[in-house]
Amino acid sequence: MSAIKILARVLTTRVGPHIELAVETESGEVLKVLATEDQIDRLVDELEDMLNSPATEEDGEPPEAA
């Protein structure tokens, strides 16, 4: 796995039946991925759950990918 990068911004656009996510890091690197509407819906649900859960002080490590 690559080193953790700091998020600068996220851009989205429709590409046919998909949604393109462009994730840019503070260093200017950009990762583009295509996702279905269902995948974006599940991502939004996960982010809402994260934002609505109490903050915990962990060891600084990100959670493992699902």
Protein backbone atom coordinates (compact mmCIF):
# COMPACT_ATOMS: atom_id res chain seq x y z
CA MET A 1 0.00 0.00 0.00
CA SER A 2 1.23 3.50 -0.77
CA ALA A 3 1.90 6.23 1.76
CA ILE A 4 -1.03 8.26 3.07
CA LYS A 5 -1.56 11.55 1.26
CA ILE A 6 -3.46 14.64 2.43
CA LEU A 7 -6.62 15.37 0.45
CA ALA A 8 -6.80 18.75 -1.28
CA ARG A 9 -10.07 18.38 -3.17
CA VAL A 10 -12.53 16.02 -4.80
CA LEU A 11 -14.24 16.74 -8.09
CA THR A 12 -17.08 14.79 -9.69
CA THR A 13 -18.60 14.62 -13.14
CA ARG A 14 -20.90 12.29 -15.06
CA VAL A 15 -19.31 10.09 -17.70
CA GLY A 16 -22.07 8.18 -19.46
CA PRO A 17 -23.77 5.94 -16.90
CA HIS A 18 -20.92 6.42 -14.39
CA ILE A 19 -19.70 9.15 -12.07
CA GLU A 20 -16.05 10.10 -12.28
CA LEU A 21 -14.34 11.00 -9.00
CA ALA A 22 -11.11 12.98 -9.29
CA VAL A 23 -9.23 13.01 -5.97
CA GLU A 24 -6.36 15.48 -5.73
CA THR A 25 -3.70 15.46 -3.02
CA GLU A 26 -1.91 18.48 -1.60
CA SER A 27 1.14 17.52 -3.67
CA GLY A 28 -0.93 17.76 -6.87
CA GLU A 29 -1.31 14.06 -7.60
CA VAL A 30 -4.70 13.18 -9.10
CA LEU A 31 -6.45 9.82 -9.04
CA LYS A 32 -9.51 9.38 -11.23
CA VAL A 33 -11.96 6.52 -10.80
CA LEU A 34 -15.33 5.66 -12.30
CA ALA A 35 -18.12 4.58 -9.98
CA THR A 36 -21.72 3.53 -10.37
CA GLU A 37 -24.53 5.50 -8.75
CA ASP A 38 -24.91 2.64 -6.25
CA GLN A 39 -21.23 2.86 -5.28
CA ILE A 40 -21.50 6.64 -4.80
CA ASP A 41 -24.63 6.15 -2.70
CA ARG A 42 -22.79 3.67 -0.46
CA LEU A 43 -19.80 6.03 -0.22
CA VAL A 44 -22.09 8.87 0.89
CA ASP A 45 -23.70 6.57 3.49
CA GLU A 46 -20.27 5.60 4.86
CA LEU A 47 -19.15 9.23 5.05
CA GLU A 48 -22.38 10.26 6.80
CA ASP A 49 -21.95 7.42 9.31
CA MET A 50 -18.36 8.54 9.94
CA LEU A 51 -19.35 12.17 10.39
CA ASN A 52 -22.23 11.28 12.72
CA SER A 53 -20.20 8.90 14.91
CA PRO A 54 -18.32 10.12 17.98
CA ALA A 55 -14.69 10.92 17.36
CA THR A 56 -12.25 8.49 18.92
CA GLU A 57 -8.58 8.87 19.59
CA GLU A 58 -6.93 6.02 17.74
CA ASP A 59 -3.29 5.29 17.13
CA GLY A 60 -3.25 7.59 14.10
CA GLU A 61 -3.63 4.74 11.63
CA PRO A 62 -6.45 4.85 9.06
CA PRO A 63 -9.09 2.10 9.21
CA GLU A 64 -8.59 -0.95 7.02
CA ALA A 65 -10.38 -0.83 3.67
CA ALA A 66 -13.68 -2.64 3.55
